[in-house]
Amino acid sequence: MPYNVKQIRIGKFDFGIVGLTDAIESVAGKHKDLTDDLIAEALVQKLSKDNYIPSNVRDNYKQAFLTEY
């Protein structure tokens, strides 16, 4: 199965995130009534399964994922 990788900016750098489009579609369908913080957390939870998200920059990833959302 080919991976869906999308380049996004997190902080000062661009990173390839596996499954971002699918995660956004999934969260938008199931969690559209949540606050931005909860949506960002749901995206991090889904995407951390296939992407390394360092704990010290987790908030940066949340913000970047929310921006893409």
Protein backbone atom coordinates (compact mmCIF):
# COMPACT_ATOMS: atom_id res chain seq x y z
CA MET A 1 0.00 0.00 0.00
CA PRO A 2 1.53 3.36 -0.99
CA TYR A 3 1.94 5.92 1.75
CA ASN A 4 0.21 9.26 1.49
CA VAL A 5 2.94 11.72 2.52
CA LYS A 6 2.36 15.46 2.71
CA GLN A 7 5.04 18.07 3.37
CA ILE A 8 4.14 20.63 6.04
CA ARG A 9 6.06 23.28 7.94
CA ILE A 10 6.56 22.66 11.63
CA GLY A 11 8.44 25.48 13.25
CA LYS A 12 11.27 26.46 10.89
CA PHE A 13 11.46 23.15 8.99
CA ASP A 14 9.44 21.15 6.49
CA PHE A 15 8.55 17.56 7.35
CA GLY A 16 6.86 14.75 5.47
CA ILE A 17 3.84 13.51 7.41
CA VAL A 18 2.46 10.08 6.57
CA GLY A 19 -1.34 9.89 6.43
CA LEU A 20 -2.12 13.55 7.16
CA THR A 21 -4.89 13.85 4.57
CA ASP A 22 -6.58 10.66 5.76
CA ALA A 23 -6.29 11.71 9.42
CA ILE A 24 -7.83 15.10 8.69
CA GLU A 25 -10.73 13.52 6.81
CA SER A 26 -11.29 11.03 9.63
CA VAL A 27 -11.21 13.64 12.38
CA ALA A 28 -13.38 16.06 10.39
CA GLY A 29 -16.00 13.37 9.93
CA LYS A 30 -16.06 12.09 13.50
CA HIS A 31 -14.98 15.04 15.65
CA LYS A 32 -16.17 18.16 13.83
CA ASP A 33 -17.87 19.58 16.95
CA LEU A 34 -14.74 19.47 19.13
CA THR A 35 -12.64 22.46 20.18
CA ASP A 36 -9.45 23.22 18.27
CA ASP A 37 -7.36 21.82 21.14
CA LEU A 38 -9.23 18.51 21.07
CA ILE A 39 -9.07 18.32 17.27
CA ALA A 40 -5.30 18.93 17.40
CA GLU A 41 -4.91 16.23 20.06
CA ALA A 42 -6.98 13.77 18.00
CA LEU A 43 -4.77 14.45 14.97
CA VAL A 44 -1.58 13.94 16.99
CA GLN A 45 -2.93 10.68 18.39
CA LYS A 46 -3.78 9.36 14.92
CA LEU A 47 -0.61 10.55 13.24
CA SER A 48 1.80 9.47 15.96
CA LYS A 49 1.11 5.84 14.97
CA ASP A 50 2.99 6.28 11.68
CA ASN A 51 5.10 9.39 12.37
CA TYR A 52 7.69 10.17 15.02
CA ILE A 53 6.49 13.15 17.04
CA PRO A 54 9.07 14.21 19.65
CA SER A 55 7.46 15.06 22.98
CA ASN A 56 9.41 18.31 23.34
CA VAL A 57 7.84 19.77 20.16
CA ARG A 58 4.43 18.09 20.36
CA ASP A 59 2.68 21.47 20.66
CA ASN A 60 4.38 22.65 17.46
CA TYR A 61 3.05 19.57 15.67
CA LYS A 62 -0.44 20.18 17.07
CA GLN A 63 -0.42 23.73 15.75
CA ALA A 64 0.84 22.65 12.33
CA PHE A 65 -1.75 19.86 12.08
CA LEU A 66 -4.51 22.26 13.12
CA THR A 67 -3.36 24.75 10.48
CA GLU A 68 -3.61 22.02 7.84
CA TYR A 69 -7.01 20.98 9.19
